Every structure is written in C-alpha cells, then in structure tokens.
C-alpha cells in the first residue's frame, strides 16, 4: 500500500468521559484524529482483554494518519480496573462492553465537541467499528452477531444503526470446542455469526492457536465463513494472536513481534473501510493485487 498519507500529523485527546449511568466505573475514551481535513470517517475501537484506551497505538495512529477519527473506550476488564476472572462482575462484562460501544456511538457528538471541535469535521454517515480479540467479539455484536445460550438459542440483537462497516481482528470462533476453562469463565464465547449482516473485514493469523478452543487457527476464520456476505478475509500465515504486536511492539503478550505485520493489518482495515464507505477504492484494489502477487505470506478472499 502507498504510505504517502502516513506523513499526516495527528493529535490525541484523553481522557474524555462518556455518560454511562449503569457502570461501576466511569467510561473514558481517547480520541485520535488527523490535524487537518473534513468529512472524516470514524472508527470506534474495542480493545482486547485487560487493555485500555492507552493501547494499540501502532494501529490507531496509522488509522488517524490515513484520515480516520478513532475513538477508544476503556472497558471494565481493563487491568486498571482490577477485575479478575473470579470477580462476580466478570460474568456480565461482555454485556457492559457492548453497552460501552453503544454509549460511545450514542454520545459521539459530545465526544467530538470535547475533543476540540471535531464535530464539524466528521462524516456521521461513515462510522465503522473495529475490535481485536475480545474486542472483536464485542464488535461483532454491533455488526449483528448474537450470543447463543447454553441451549443454543440466540440472544438479543445488539446491532447499532449508526454502524455501516467493521473489522474483526482475531475474533473468537463458535463455542462448540471451548476448553473447560473457557466454558467456566467465558460461557458467552458462543457467537452466532449467521445474523452478522453488516459488511466486515475479518483478519486471522495462521499461527493463532487459542488456549480457549481445542480447534486450530482456523477457529478465528469462523466470523468470515459463517456470516452472510459481503465479507472479506485477510489471513496472515505467520501471524499469532497479536498479529505482530497490535497493542504495542514490546508488550508482554506480543509473541510474534513484527512491525510490518502490524502495518499490514492497519492498512488493510483502512483500505477496506475507505472502499466500503465509497471514499476510495484504490488502496483496496492495490491490496488485492498485492495479495495475489505475494508468496503466500498473506492472502485475501472475499464473498
């Protein structure tokens, strides 16, 4: 992909507080945006387990430099809130995460005002939602996926009308092969992707072996294979769960540090969304051509 836009200067504002009355801790967000430009599309980003609005700078900064306004909430499972697996609130955090994203989308105008006059520079018709790991399951719910209960009955519809595209990075697959630990602590990891109708890019690592499922890395492609089109799938052959270090290059979870891989993930998301929003198809066309020409280190398919 062309990197000509990546010289654009960006600014980040944090923390901003978003009204969320039923929450045990204040909902705070960080906004990262290009210094210049108007009619900017928006990405609301949901972090993986234990992270916060201060993570994922390698992704977020690159999206902002590509012309997106990025809003990052800190979910309740963040390390800074100190909720362990055995906290009684943990069982419902998946619902609070979804509510957080709804609160951000519903309160977007106020967030943009607080962030320093961004309300006049954003295109409210072009809002995307992106997440990594647990954040990808959270994001999936706003794109139309449901959660199956113990009897396999789909739960409520959490989709949001403001969202017109999305991206799921390392999203958990179906819940029929969960390990005993996951069954005990994460029973909500039973996504039903059959109703996830919103256009989305799914990104999976070919070496992402989850401790939560007995299946192999293909578990992370369920969101693509089991959801209705239009969808696209980027598979990165050597990628593990952090796909090169999405949350930060040197963080403890990063077992496959590779800044070029992180850039590929970031650029694929921005190219996909620019195309989905009909702002520019050039980067997505270029990426597709590059996928066809490379030596199999990564591949792209669409349906």
Foldseek 3Di string as FASTA:
>chain_A
DDCVLLVFDKDKDDWDFFDDPVDPDTKTKMKMAGPDAAQAAEEEEEEAAQAANLWQCLQRSSLRSVRYIYIYIGFCRHVVNVDDLPRPCLQCSLVSSLVSVVRCLVCVCVVCVVRPPCNRGHNQQQYEYEYAESRLVSRLLQLFKFFAAPVRDTDDRSHDPSHQEYEREQYAAADPFFDPVCVVRPVRSHIQQQGREHEYEYEFELQAQDPTGPDGRCRSVRNPVRYDDFYKYKYADHAYRCQQPSGHQPDPPRPRHDSVRNVVVSLCRSQVSCVSVVVDNVSVVVVQVVQVPDPPSMHMDGD
